[in-house]
Every structure is written in structure tokens, then in C-alpha cells.
Amino acid sequence: MKTGQQMQSLVCSGKVIVLRAPKDETVVLSCGGVPMVDANSAGAQDKQNADPTLLGGSVMGKRYVDADAGVQLLCVTAGEGTLTVDGRPLVIEAVKQLPSSD
């Protein structure tokens, strides 16, 4: 997984762009319990069955993070699968308030 890489789910229509890649290259990014693949790879069309417990969905336009792995993703296509890193569900990054422009 590299910064700028687009990853696609094999269980739903979900796609993300990697904004911050993990330092540990053994980290596994999954959606719906199935590892995600590069959106440009030949295997991106091979659909698989999702883990029913990991169908919480992802929201387009939201940033997903995992502080332990140092991962930050931008969801560019919503999907039914839950985004996880090494089995831990990613959380939506809190919106930072801008200072008022009085």
C-alpha cells in the first residue's frame, strides 16, 4: 500500500485512496473482511463474499484513520463493507473546526 494508491473492495463497490500509508508494509487493508486490491489490478473484478459481521458500510468523502497503523484513507466510492486494518475497524476522522474570520 502506497500513498496515492487507489484500492478497491472485492465484496462491494467501495473504493479508497491512500492518503497516508503505514510504515509497516505487512499491514492488511480489508473491506468486509476481504483484503482490498489495487483498483488497476486484474483481480479487481473478482468479487467475493463478505463477512456478514463487517457490513457497516463506508461513506463517500469521509477520511478513515487508524492511529496504531498510521493509516489515513479517503473514501471515493461508498460501499457496504466495513473498512479494517489488521482486523481493526477504521474510524471516521473528526472534522477540524476552522477559526472564525471576524
PDB file of N, CA and C in Angstrom:
ATOM      1  N   MET A   1       0.838  -1.167   0.000  1.00  0.00           N
ATOM      2  CA  MET A   1       0.000   0.000   0.000  1.00  0.00           C
ATOM      3  C   MET A   1       0.892   1.242   0.000  1.00  0.00           C
ATOM      4  N   LYS A   2       0.622   2.143  -0.941  1.00  0.00           N
ATOM      5  CA  LYS A   2       1.436   3.353  -1.084  1.00  0.00           C
ATOM      6  C   LYS A   2       0.554   4.593  -1.069  1.00  0.00           C
ATOM      7  N   THR A   3       1.103   5.705  -0.647  1.00  0.00           N
ATOM      8  CA  THR A   3       0.382   6.971  -0.677  1.00  0.00           C
ATOM      9  C   THR A   3      -0.016   7.287  -2.114  1.00  0.00           C
ATOM     10  N   GLY A   4      -1.300   7.667  -2.298  1.00  0.00           N
ATOM     11  CA  GLY A   4      -1.822   7.981  -3.623  1.00  0.00           C
ATOM     12  C   GLY A   4      -2.427   6.798  -4.348  1.00  0.00           C
ATOM     13  N   GLN A   5      -2.253   5.609  -3.829  1.00  0.00           N
ATOM     14  CA  GLN A   5      -2.771   4.399  -4.474  1.00  0.00           C
ATOM     15  C   GLN A   5      -4.278   4.294  -4.250  1.00  0.00           C
ATOM     16  N   GLN A   6      -5.007   3.897  -5.299  1.00  0.00           N
ATOM     17  CA  GLN A   6      -6.438   3.665  -5.177  1.00  0.00           C
ATOM     18  C   GLN A   6      -6.668   2.180  -4.954  1.00  0.00           C
ATOM     19  N   MET A   7      -7.407   1.869  -3.894  1.00  0.00           N
ATOM     20  CA  MET A   7      -7.691   0.486  -3.526  1.00  0.00           C
ATOM     21  C   MET A   7      -9.181   0.223  -3.705  1.00  0.00           C
ATOM     22  N   GLN A   8      -9.519  -1.007  -4.118  1.00  0.00           N
ATOM     23  CA  GLN A   8     -10.905  -1.374  -4.378  1.00  0.00           C
ATOM     24  C   GLN A   8     -11.289  -2.593  -3.563  1.00  0.00           C
ATOM     25  N   SER A   9     -12.524  -2.599  -3.115  1.00  0.00           N
ATOM     26  CA  SER A   9     -13.076  -3.729  -2.386  1.00  0.00           C
ATOM     27  C   SER A   9     -13.439  -4.847  -3.351  1.00  0.00           C
ATOM     28  N   LEU A  10     -13.330  -6.089  -2.872  1.00  0.00           N
ATOM     29  CA  LEU A  10     -13.751  -7.245  -3.659  1.00  0.00           C
ATOM     30  C   LEU A  10     -15.131  -7.739  -3.245  1.00  0.00           C
ATOM     31  N   VAL A  11     -15.742  -7.083  -2.238  1.00  0.00           N
ATOM     32  CA  VAL A  11     -17.053  -7.522  -1.764  1.00  0.00           C
ATOM     33  C   VAL A  11     -18.167  -6.516  -2.075  1.00  0.00           C
ATOM     34  N   CYS A  12     -17.792  -5.291  -2.424  1.00  0.00           N
ATOM     35  CA  CYS A  12     -18.791  -4.258  -2.708  1.00  0.00           C
ATOM     36  C   CYS A  12     -18.182  -3.219  -3.656  1.00  0.00           C
ATOM     37  N   SER A  13     -18.876  -2.117  -3.839  1.00  0.00           N
ATOM     38  CA  SER A  13     -18.415  -1.080  -4.765  1.00  0.00           C
ATOM     39  C   SER A  13     -17.414  -0.114  -4.133  1.00  0.00           C
ATOM     40  N   GLY A  14     -17.047  -0.315  -2.891  1.00  0.00           N
ATOM     41  CA  GLY A  14     -16.178   0.606  -2.159  1.00  0.00           C
ATOM     42  C   GLY A  14     -14.792   0.786  -2.759  1.00  0.00           C
ATOM     43  N   LYS A  15     -14.357   2.063  -2.823  1.00  0.00           N
ATOM     44  CA  LYS A  15     -13.003   2.410  -3.263  1.00  0.00           C
ATOM     45  C   LYS A  15     -12.456   3.497  -2.350  1.00  0.00           C
ATOM     46  N   VAL A  16     -11.161   3.428  -2.080  1.00  0.00           N
ATOM     47  CA  VAL A  16     -10.490   4.428  -1.255  1.00  0.00           C
ATOM     48  C   VAL A  16      -9.179   4.847  -1.906  1.00  0.00           C
ATOM     49  N   ILE A  17      -8.718   6.028  -1.544  1.00  0.00           N
ATOM     50  CA  ILE A  17      -7.387   6.488  -1.934  1.00  0.00           C
ATOM     51  C   ILE A  17      -6.568   6.574  -0.655  1.00  0.00           C
ATOM     52  N   VAL A  18      -5.363   6.045  -0.695  1.00  0.00           N
ATOM     53  CA  VAL A  18      -4.474   6.054   0.464  1.00  0.00           C
ATOM     54  C   VAL A  18      -3.859   7.447   0.591  1.00  0.00           C
ATOM     55  N   LEU A  19      -4.196   8.152   1.690  1.00  0.00           N
ATOM     56  CA  LEU A  19      -3.633   9.479   1.941  1.00  0.00           C
ATOM     57  C   LEU A  19      -2.350   9.380   2.760  1.00  0.00           C
ATOM     58  N   ARG A  20      -2.325   8.426   3.675  1.00  0.00           N
ATOM     59  CA  ARG A  20      -1.119   8.177   4.481  1.00  0.00           C
ATOM     60  C   ARG A  20      -0.949   6.676   4.587  1.00  0.00           C
ATOM     61  N   ALA A  21       0.128   6.184   4.032  1.00  0.00           N
ATOM     62  CA  ALA A  21       0.409   4.748   4.053  1.00  0.00           C
ATOM     63  C   ALA A  21       1.101   4.372   5.363  1.00  0.00           C
ATOM     64  N   PRO A  22       0.905   3.145   5.817  1.00  0.00           N
ATOM     65  CA  PRO A  22       1.563   2.708   7.048  1.00  0.00           C
ATOM     66  C   PRO A  22       3.057   2.494   6.832  1.00  0.00           C
ATOM     67  N   LYS A  23       3.803   2.654   7.905  1.00  0.00           N
ATOM     68  CA  LYS A  23       5.242   2.393   7.835  1.00  0.00           C
ATOM     69  C   LYS A  23       5.503   0.890   7.724  1.00  0.00           C
ATOM     70  N   ASP A  24       4.643   0.107   8.361  1.00  0.00           N
ATOM     71  CA  ASP A  24       4.756  -1.351   8.336  1.00  0.00           C
ATOM     72  C   ASP A  24       4.068  -1.878   7.075  1.00  0.00           C
ATOM     73  N   GLU A  25       4.830  -2.455   6.167  1.00  0.00           N
ATOM     74  CA  GLU A  25       4.286  -2.914   4.894  1.00  0.00           C
ATOM     75  C   GLU A  25       3.502  -4.210   5.003  1.00  0.00           C
ATOM     76  N   THR A  26       3.470  -4.829   6.188  1.00  0.00           N
ATOM     77  CA  THR A  26       2.713  -6.063   6.357  1.00  0.00           C
ATOM     78  C   THR A  26       1.271  -5.795   6.775  1.00  0.00           C
ATOM     79  N   VAL A  27       0.881  -4.533   6.924  1.00  0.00           N
ATOM     80  CA  VAL A  27      -0.477  -4.175   7.308  1.00  0.00           C
ATOM     81  C   VAL A  27      -1.439  -4.599   6.202  1.00  0.00           C
ATOM     82  N   VAL A  28      -2.582  -5.180   6.596  1.00  0.00           N
ATOM     83  CA  VAL A  28      -3.580  -5.644   5.631  1.00  0.00           C
ATOM     84  C   VAL A  28      -4.825  -4.760   5.709  1.00  0.00           C
ATOM     85  N   LEU A  29      -5.114  -4.078   4.610  1.00  0.00           N
ATOM     86  CA  LEU A  29      -6.313  -3.251   4.493  1.00  0.00           C
ATOM     87  C   LEU A  29      -7.422  -4.118   3.915  1.00  0.00           C
ATOM     88  N   SER A  30      -8.548  -4.180   4.623  1.00  0.00           N
ATOM     89  CA  SER A  30      -9.658  -5.024   4.181  1.00  0.00           C
ATOM     90  C   SER A  30     -10.958  -4.245   4.149  1.00  0.00           C
ATOM     91  N   CYS A  31     -11.901  -4.781   3.398  1.00  0.00           N
ATOM     92  CA  CYS A  31     -13.253  -4.239   3.346  1.00  0.00           C
ATOM     93  C   CYS A  31     -14.204  -5.423   3.396  1.00  0.00           C
ATOM     94  N   GLY A  32     -15.075  -5.441   4.396  1.00  0.00           N
ATOM     95  CA  GLY A  32     -15.991  -6.566   4.535  1.00  0.00           C
ATOM     96  C   GLY A  32     -15.293  -7.863   4.888  1.00  0.00           C
ATOM     97  N   GLY A  33     -14.098  -7.772   5.444  1.00  0.00           N
ATOM     98  CA  GLY A  33     -13.348  -8.964   5.847  1.00  0.00           C
ATOM     99  C   GLY A  33     -12.473  -9.570   4.774  1.00  0.00           C
ATOM    100  N   VAL A  34     -12.451  -8.960   3.572  1.00  0.00           N
ATOM    101  CA  VAL A  34     -11.648  -9.464   2.450  1.00  0.00           C
ATOM    102  C   VAL A  34     -10.606  -8.399   2.092  1.00  0.00           C
ATOM    103  N   PRO A  35      -9.331  -8.773   1.970  1.00  0.00           N
ATOM    104  CA  PRO A  35      -8.308  -7.788   1.626  1.00  0.00           C
ATOM    105  C   PRO A  35      -8.644  -7.009   0.349  1.00  0.00           C
ATOM    106  N   MET A  36      -8.392  -5.696   0.391  1.00  0.00           N
ATOM    107  CA  MET A  36      -8.627  -4.840  -0.770  1.00  0.00           C
ATOM    108  C   MET A  36      -7.465  -4.982  -1.744  1.00  0.00           C
ATOM    109  N   VAL A  37      -7.716  -4.682  -3.022  1.00  0.00           N
ATOM    110  CA  VAL A  37      -6.696  -4.792  -4.060  1.00  0.00           C
ATOM    111  C   VAL A  37      -6.535  -3.455  -4.761  1.00  0.00           C
ATOM    112  N   ASP A  38      -5.413  -3.303  -5.472  1.00  0.00           N
ATOM    113  CA  ASP A  38      -5.195  -2.115  -6.277  1.00  0.00           C
ATOM    114  C   ASP A  38      -6.320  -2.027  -7.311  1.00  0.00           C
ATOM    115  N   ALA A  39      -6.929  -0.846  -7.445  1.00  0.00           N
ATOM    116  CA  ALA A  39      -8.067  -0.670  -8.354  1.00  0.00           C
ATOM    117  C   ALA A  39      -7.695  -0.927  -9.808  1.00  0.00           C
ATOM    118  N   ASN A  40      -6.413  -0.828 -10.151  1.00  0.00           N
ATOM    119  CA  ASN A  40      -5.970  -1.044 -11.528  1.00  0.00           C
ATOM    120  C   ASN A  40      -5.495  -2.463 -11.800  1.00  0.00           C
ATOM    121  N   SER A  41      -5.555  -3.330 -10.787  1.00  0.00           N
ATOM    122  CA  SER A  41      -5.064  -4.693 -10.979  1.00  0.00           C
ATOM    123  C   SER A  41      -6.099  -5.549 -11.693  1.00  0.00           C
ATOM    124  N   ALA A  42      -5.642  -6.635 -12.264  1.00  0.00           N
ATOM    125  CA  ALA A  42      -6.526  -7.550 -12.994  1.00  0.00           C
ATOM    126  C   ALA A  42      -7.519  -8.223 -12.061  1.00  0.00           C
ATOM    127  N   GLY A  43      -7.152  -8.421 -10.803  1.00  0.00           N
ATOM    128  CA  GLY A  43      -8.025  -9.106  -9.856  1.00  0.00           C
ATOM    129  C   GLY A  43      -9.101  -8.225  -9.257  1.00  0.00           C
ATOM    130  N   ALA A  44      -9.169  -6.950  -9.645  1.00  0.00           N
ATOM    131  CA  ALA A  44     -10.136  -6.020  -9.069  1.00  0.00           C
ATOM    132  C   ALA A  44     -11.573  -6.365  -9.442  1.00  0.00           C
ATOM    133  N   GLN A  45     -11.773  -7.203 -10.424  1.00  0.00           N
ATOM    134  CA  GLN A  45     -13.124  -7.569 -10.861  1.00  0.00           C
ATOM    135  C   GLN A  45     -13.624  -8.858 -10.209  1.00  0.00           C
ATOM    136  N   ASP A  46     -12.748  -9.567  -9.499  1.00  0.00           N
ATOM    137  CA  ASP A  46     -13.116 -10.841  -8.882  1.00  0.00           C
ATOM    138  C   ASP A  46     -13.864 -10.597  -7.573  1.00  0.00           C
ATOM    139  N   LYS A  47     -15.178 -10.720  -7.598  1.00  0.00           N
ATOM    140  CA  LYS A  47     -15.989 -10.469  -6.402  1.00  0.00           C
ATOM    141  C   LYS A  47     -15.960 -11.673  -5.471  1.00  0.00           C
ATOM    142  N   GLN A  48     -16.011 -11.377  -4.147  1.00  0.00           N
ATOM    143  CA  GLN A  48     -16.003 -12.410  -3.123  1.00  0.00           C
ATOM    144  C   GLN A  48     -17.121 -12.124  -2.123  1.00  0.00           C
ATOM    145  N   ASN A  49     -17.393 -13.088  -1.261  1.00  0.00           N
ATOM    146  CA  ASN A  49     -18.420 -12.926  -0.239  1.00  0.00           C
ATOM    147  C   ASN A  49     -17.855 -12.226   0.980  1.00  0.00           C
ATOM    148  N   ALA A  50     -18.643 -11.315   1.532  1.00  0.00           N
ATOM    149  CA  ALA A  50     -18.222 -10.541   2.701  1.00  0.00           C
ATOM    150  C   ALA A  50     -18.533 -11.291   3.989  1.00  0.00           C
ATOM    151  N   ASP A  51     -17.823 -10.930   5.036  1.00  0.00           N
ATOM    152  CA  ASP A  51     -18.122 -11.397   6.383  1.00  0.00           C
ATOM    153  C   ASP A  51     -19.369 -10.623   6.830  1.00  0.00           C
ATOM    154  N   PRO A  52     -20.482 -11.291   7.147  1.00  0.00           N
ATOM    155  CA  PRO A  52     -21.723 -10.590   7.499  1.00  0.00           C
ATOM    156  C   PRO A  52     -21.584  -9.648   8.698  1.00  0.00           C
ATOM    157  N   THR A  53     -20.607  -9.891   9.568  1.00  0.00           N
ATOM    158  CA  THR A  53     -20.418  -9.016  10.726  1.00  0.00           C
ATOM    159  C   THR A  53     -19.666  -7.741  10.361  1.00  0.00           C
ATOM    160  N   LEU A  54     -19.122  -7.670   9.144  1.00  0.00           N
ATOM    161  CA  LEU A  54     -18.356  -6.498   8.715  1.00  0.00           C
ATOM    162  C   LEU A  54     -19.044  -5.790   7.545  1.00  0.00           C
ATOM    163  N   LEU A  55     -20.344  -5.567   7.689  1.00  0.00           N
ATOM    164  CA  LEU A  55     -21.088  -4.862   6.650  1.00  0.00           C
ATOM    165  C   LEU A  55     -21.674  -3.561   7.196  1.00  0.00           C
ATOM    166  N   GLY A  56     -20.803  -2.767   7.850  1.00  0.00           N
ATOM    167  CA  GLY A  56     -21.226  -1.484   8.419  1.00  0.00           C
ATOM    168  C   GLY A  56     -21.225  -0.352   7.415  1.00  0.00           C
ATOM    169  N   GLY A  57     -20.571  -0.557   6.287  1.00  0.00           N
ATOM    170  CA  GLY A  57     -20.561   0.444   5.229  1.00  0.00           C
ATOM    171  C   GLY A  57     -19.459   1.476   5.371  1.00  0.00           C
ATOM    172  N   SER A  58     -19.217   2.189   4.279  1.00  0.00           N
ATOM    173  CA  SER A  58     -18.269   3.308   4.249  1.00  0.00           C
ATOM    174  C   SER A  58     -18.952   4.465   3.541  1.00  0.00           C
ATOM    175  N   VAL A  59     -18.580   5.678   3.920  1.00  0.00           N
ATOM    176  CA  VAL A  59     -19.253   6.879   3.436  1.00  0.00           C
ATOM    177  C   VAL A  59     -18.331   7.652   2.500  1.00  0.00           C
ATOM    178  N   MET A  60     -18.831   7.955   1.301  1.00  0.00           N
ATOM    179  CA  MET A  60     -18.046   8.692   0.321  1.00  0.00           C
ATOM    180  C   MET A  60     -17.695  10.085   0.857  1.00  0.00           C
ATOM    181  N   GLY A  61     -16.452  10.490   0.634  1.00  0.00           N
ATOM    182  CA  GLY A  61     -15.991  11.812   1.039  1.00  0.00           C
ATOM    183  C   GLY A  61     -15.434  11.885   2.440  1.00  0.00           C
ATOM    184  N   LYS A  62     -15.531  10.822   3.203  1.00  0.00           N
ATOM    185  CA  LYS A  62     -15.023  10.804   4.580  1.00  0.00           C
ATOM    186  C   LYS A  62     -13.617  10.234   4.622  1.00  0.00           C
ATOM    187  N   ARG A  63     -12.851  10.725   5.583  1.00  0.00           N
ATOM    188  CA  ARG A  63     -11.500  10.207   5.819  1.00  0.00           C
ATOM    189  C   ARG A  63     -11.558   9.188   6.942  1.00  0.00           C
ATOM    190  N   TYR A  64     -10.936   8.048   6.707  1.00  0.00           N
ATOM    191  CA  TYR A  64     -10.894   6.965   7.682  1.00  0.00           C
ATOM    192  C   TYR A  64      -9.470   6.812   8.176  1.00  0.00           C
ATOM    193  N   VAL A  65      -9.301   6.637   9.496  1.00  0.00           N
ATOM    194  CA  VAL A  65      -7.965   6.564  10.083  1.00  0.00           C
ATOM    195  C   VAL A  65      -7.835   5.394  11.049  1.00  0.00           C
ATOM    196  N   ASP A  66      -6.591   4.969  11.222  1.00  0.00           N
ATOM    197  CA  ASP A  66      -6.202   4.028  12.260  1.00  0.00           C
ATOM    198  C   ASP A  66      -4.888   4.555  12.811  1.00  0.00           C
ATOM    199  N   ALA A  67      -4.925   5.088  14.033  1.00  0.00           N
ATOM    200  CA  ALA A  67      -3.743   5.704  14.631  1.00  0.00           C
ATOM    201  C   ALA A  67      -2.636   4.688  14.889  1.00  0.00           C
ATOM    202  N   ASP A  68      -3.000   3.462  15.279  1.00  0.00           N
ATOM    203  CA  ASP A  68      -1.982   2.448  15.578  1.00  0.00           C
ATOM    204  C   ASP A  68      -1.136   2.114  14.358  1.00  0.00           C
ATOM    205  N   ALA A  69      -1.778   1.969  13.203  1.00  0.00           N
ATOM    206  CA  ALA A  69      -1.054   1.620  11.976  1.00  0.00           C
ATOM    207  C   ALA A  69      -0.548   2.860  11.231  1.00  0.00           C
ATOM    208  N   GLY A  70      -1.069   4.038  11.573  1.00  0.00           N
ATOM    209  CA  GLY A  70      -0.662   5.253  10.868  1.00  0.00           C
ATOM    210  C   GLY A  70      -1.274   5.351   9.481  1.00  0.00           C
ATOM    211  N   VAL A  71      -2.497   4.842   9.323  1.00  0.00           N
ATOM    212  CA  VAL A  71      -3.172   4.817   8.032  1.00  0.00           C
ATOM    213  C   VAL A  71      -4.228   5.905   7.969  1.00  0.00           C
ATOM    214  N   GLN A  72      -4.310   6.579   6.812  1.00  0.00           N
ATOM    215  CA  GLN A  72      -5.390   7.524   6.552  1.00  0.00           C
ATOM    216  C   GLN A  72      -5.872   7.294   5.122  1.00  0.00           C
ATOM    217  N   LEU A  73      -7.182   7.100   4.971  1.00  0.00           N
ATOM    218  CA  LEU A  73      -7.787   6.817   3.673  1.00  0.00           C
ATOM    219  C   LEU A  73      -8.893   7.814   3.390  1.00  0.00           C
ATOM    220  N   LEU A  74      -9.133   8.087   2.113  1.00  0.00           N
ATOM    221  CA  LEU A  74     -10.265   8.892   1.683  1.00  0.00           C
ATOM    222  C   LEU A  74     -11.192   7.985   0.892  1.00  0.00           C
ATOM    223  N   CYS A  75     -12.434   7.873   1.320  1.00  0.00           N
ATOM    224  CA  CYS A  75     -13.409   7.042   0.626  1.00  0.00           C
ATOM    225  C   CYS A  75     -13.908   7.803  -0.598  1.00  0.00           C
ATOM    226  N   VAL A  76     -13.675   7.272  -1.798  1.00  0.00           N
ATOM    227  CA  VAL A  76     -14.097   7.936  -3.033  1.00  0.00           C
ATOM    228  C   VAL A  76     -15.334   7.293  -3.644  1.00  0.00           C
ATOM    229  N   THR A  77     -15.665   6.076  -3.235  1.00  0.00           N
ATOM    230  CA  THR A  77     -16.892   5.402  -3.656  1.00  0.00           C
ATOM    231  C   THR A  77     -17.423   4.639  -2.448  1.00  0.00           C
ATOM    232  N   ALA A  78     -18.640   4.952  -2.049  1.00  0.00           N
ATOM    233  CA  ALA A  78     -19.238   4.294  -0.887  1.00  0.00           C
ATOM    234  C   ALA A  78     -19.451   2.811  -1.156  1.00  0.00           C
ATOM    235  N   GLY A  79     -19.449   2.040  -0.083  1.00  0.00           N
ATOM    236  CA  GLY A  79     -19.676   0.604  -0.204  1.00  0.00           C
ATOM    237  C   GLY A  79     -20.344   0.057   1.041  1.00  0.00           C
ATOM    238  N   GLU A  80     -20.746  -1.197   0.985  1.00  0.00           N
ATOM    239  CA  GLU A  80     -21.439  -1.835   2.103  1.00  0.00           C
ATOM    240  C   GLU A  80     -20.480  -2.396   3.147  1.00  0.00           C
ATOM    241  N   GLY A  81     -19.235  -2.660   2.767  1.00  0.00           N
ATOM    242  CA  GLY A  81     -18.277  -3.286   3.673  1.00  0.00           C
ATOM    243  C   GLY A  81     -17.648  -2.311   4.649  1.00  0.00           C
ATOM    244  N   THR A  82     -17.285  -2.819   5.829  1.00  0.00           N
ATOM    245  CA  THR A  82     -16.575  -2.047   6.838  1.00  0.00           C
ATOM    246  C   THR A  82     -15.086  -2.063   6.515  1.00  0.00           C
ATOM    247  N   LEU A  83     -14.440  -0.898   6.553  1.00  0.00           N
ATOM    248  CA  LEU A  83     -13.003  -0.802   6.311  1.00  0.00           C
ATOM    249  C   LEU A  83     -12.247  -1.179   7.570  1.00  0.00           C
ATOM    250  N   THR A  84     -11.263  -2.081   7.429  1.00  0.00           N
ATOM    251  CA  THR A  84     -10.462  -2.517   8.571  1.00  0.00           C
ATOM    252  C   THR A  84      -8.982  -2.562   8.201  1.00  0.00           C
ATOM    253  N   VAL A  85      -8.145  -2.440   9.219  1.00  0.00           N
ATOM    254  CA  VAL A  85      -6.695  -2.622   9.083  1.00  0.00           C
ATOM    255  C   VAL A  85      -6.289  -3.662  10.106  1.00  0.00           C
ATOM    256  N   ASP A  86      -5.755  -4.766   9.637  1.00  0.00           N
ATOM    257  CA  ASP A  86      -5.372  -5.888  10.504  1.00  0.00           C
ATOM    258  C   ASP A  86      -6.515  -6.291  11.426  1.00  0.00           C
ATOM    259  N   GLY A  87      -7.744  -6.245  10.912  1.00  0.00           N
ATOM    260  CA  GLY A  87      -8.911  -6.663  11.675  1.00  0.00           C
ATOM    261  C   GLY A  87      -9.546  -5.593  12.542  1.00  0.00           C
ATOM    262  N   ARG A  88      -8.895  -4.429  12.685  1.00  0.00           N
ATOM    263  CA  ARG A  88      -9.444  -3.331  13.480  1.00  0.00           C
ATOM    264  C   ARG A  88     -10.256  -2.397  12.575  1.00  0.00           C
ATOM    265  N   PRO A  89     -11.516  -2.128  12.920  1.00  0.00           N
ATOM    266  CA  PRO A  89     -12.306  -1.203  12.102  1.00  0.00           C
ATOM    267  C   PRO A  89     -11.700   0.206  12.119  1.00  0.00           C
ATOM    268  N   LEU A  90     -11.672   0.832  10.954  1.00  0.00           N
ATOM    269  CA  LEU A  90     -11.203   2.219  10.866  1.00  0.00           C
ATOM    270  C   LEU A  90     -12.309   3.142  11.341  1.00  0.00           C
ATOM    271  N   VAL A  91     -11.914   4.298  11.862  1.00  0.00           N
ATOM    272  CA  VAL A  91     -12.889   5.283  12.327  1.00  0.00           C
ATOM    273  C   VAL A  91     -12.850   6.506  11.418  1.00  0.00           C
ATOM    274  N   ILE A  92     -13.982   7.193  11.344  1.00  0.00           N
ATOM    275  CA  ILE A  92     -14.048   8.423  10.554  1.00  0.00           C
ATOM    276  C   ILE A  92     -13.314   9.512  11.313  1.00  0.00           C
ATOM    277  N   GLU A  93     -12.418  10.202  10.612  1.00  0.00           N
ATOM    278  CA  GLU A  93     -11.628  11.267  11.231  1.00  0.00           C
ATOM    279  C   GLU A  93     -12.540  12.437  11.574  1.00  0.00           C
ATOM    280  N   ALA A  94     -12.357  12.981  12.758  1.00  0.00           N
ATOM    281  CA  ALA A  94     -13.161  14.116  13.204  1.00  0.00           C
ATOM    282  C   ALA A  94     -12.854  15.348  12.362  1.00  0.00           C
ATOM    283  N   VAL A  95     -13.879  16.126  12.095  1.00  0.00           N
ATOM    284  CA  VAL A  95     -13.720  17.354  11.323  1.00  0.00           C
ATOM    285  C   VAL A  95     -13.070  18.404  12.205  1.00  0.00           C
ATOM    286  N   LYS A  96     -12.055  19.077  11.679  1.00  0.00           N
ATOM    287  CA  LYS A  96     -11.364  20.118  12.441  1.00  0.00           C
ATOM    288  C   LYS A  96     -12.062  21.455  12.190  1.00  0.00           C
ATOM    289  N   GLN A  97     -12.373  22.149  13.270  1.00  0.00           N
ATOM    290  CA  GLN A  97     -13.024  23.439  13.154  1.00  0.00           C
ATOM    291  C   GLN A  97     -12.028  24.508  12.732  1.00  0.00           C
ATOM    292  N   LEU A  98     -12.414  25.306  11.763  1.00  0.00           N
ATOM    293  CA  LEU A  98     -11.580  26.427  11.330  1.00  0.00           C
ATOM    294  C   LEU A  98     -11.848  27.624  12.227  1.00  0.00           C
ATOM    295  N   PRO A  99     -10.837  28.472  12.429  1.00  0.00           N
ATOM    296  CA  PRO A  99     -11.072  29.668  13.252  1.00  0.00           C
ATOM    297  C   PRO A  99     -12.037  30.616  12.537  1.00  0.00           C
ATOM    298  N   SER A 100     -12.768  31.369  13.335  1.00  0.00           N
ATOM    299  CA  SER A 100     -13.707  32.317  12.731  1.00  0.00           C
ATOM    300  C   SER A 100     -12.946  33.429  12.020  1.00  0.00           C
ATOM    301  N   SER A 101     -13.564  34.000  11.027  1.00  0.00           N
ATOM    302  CA  SER A 101     -12.882  35.040  10.238  1.00  0.00           C
ATOM    303  C   SER A 101     -13.463  36.422  10.520  1.00  0.00           C
ATOM    304  N   ASP A 102     -13.671  36.710  11.793  1.00  0.00           N
ATOM    305  CA  ASP A 102     -14.246  38.005  12.171  1.00  0.00           C
ATOM    306  C   ASP A 102     -13.360  39.128  11.784  1.00  0.00           C
TER     307      ASP A 102
END
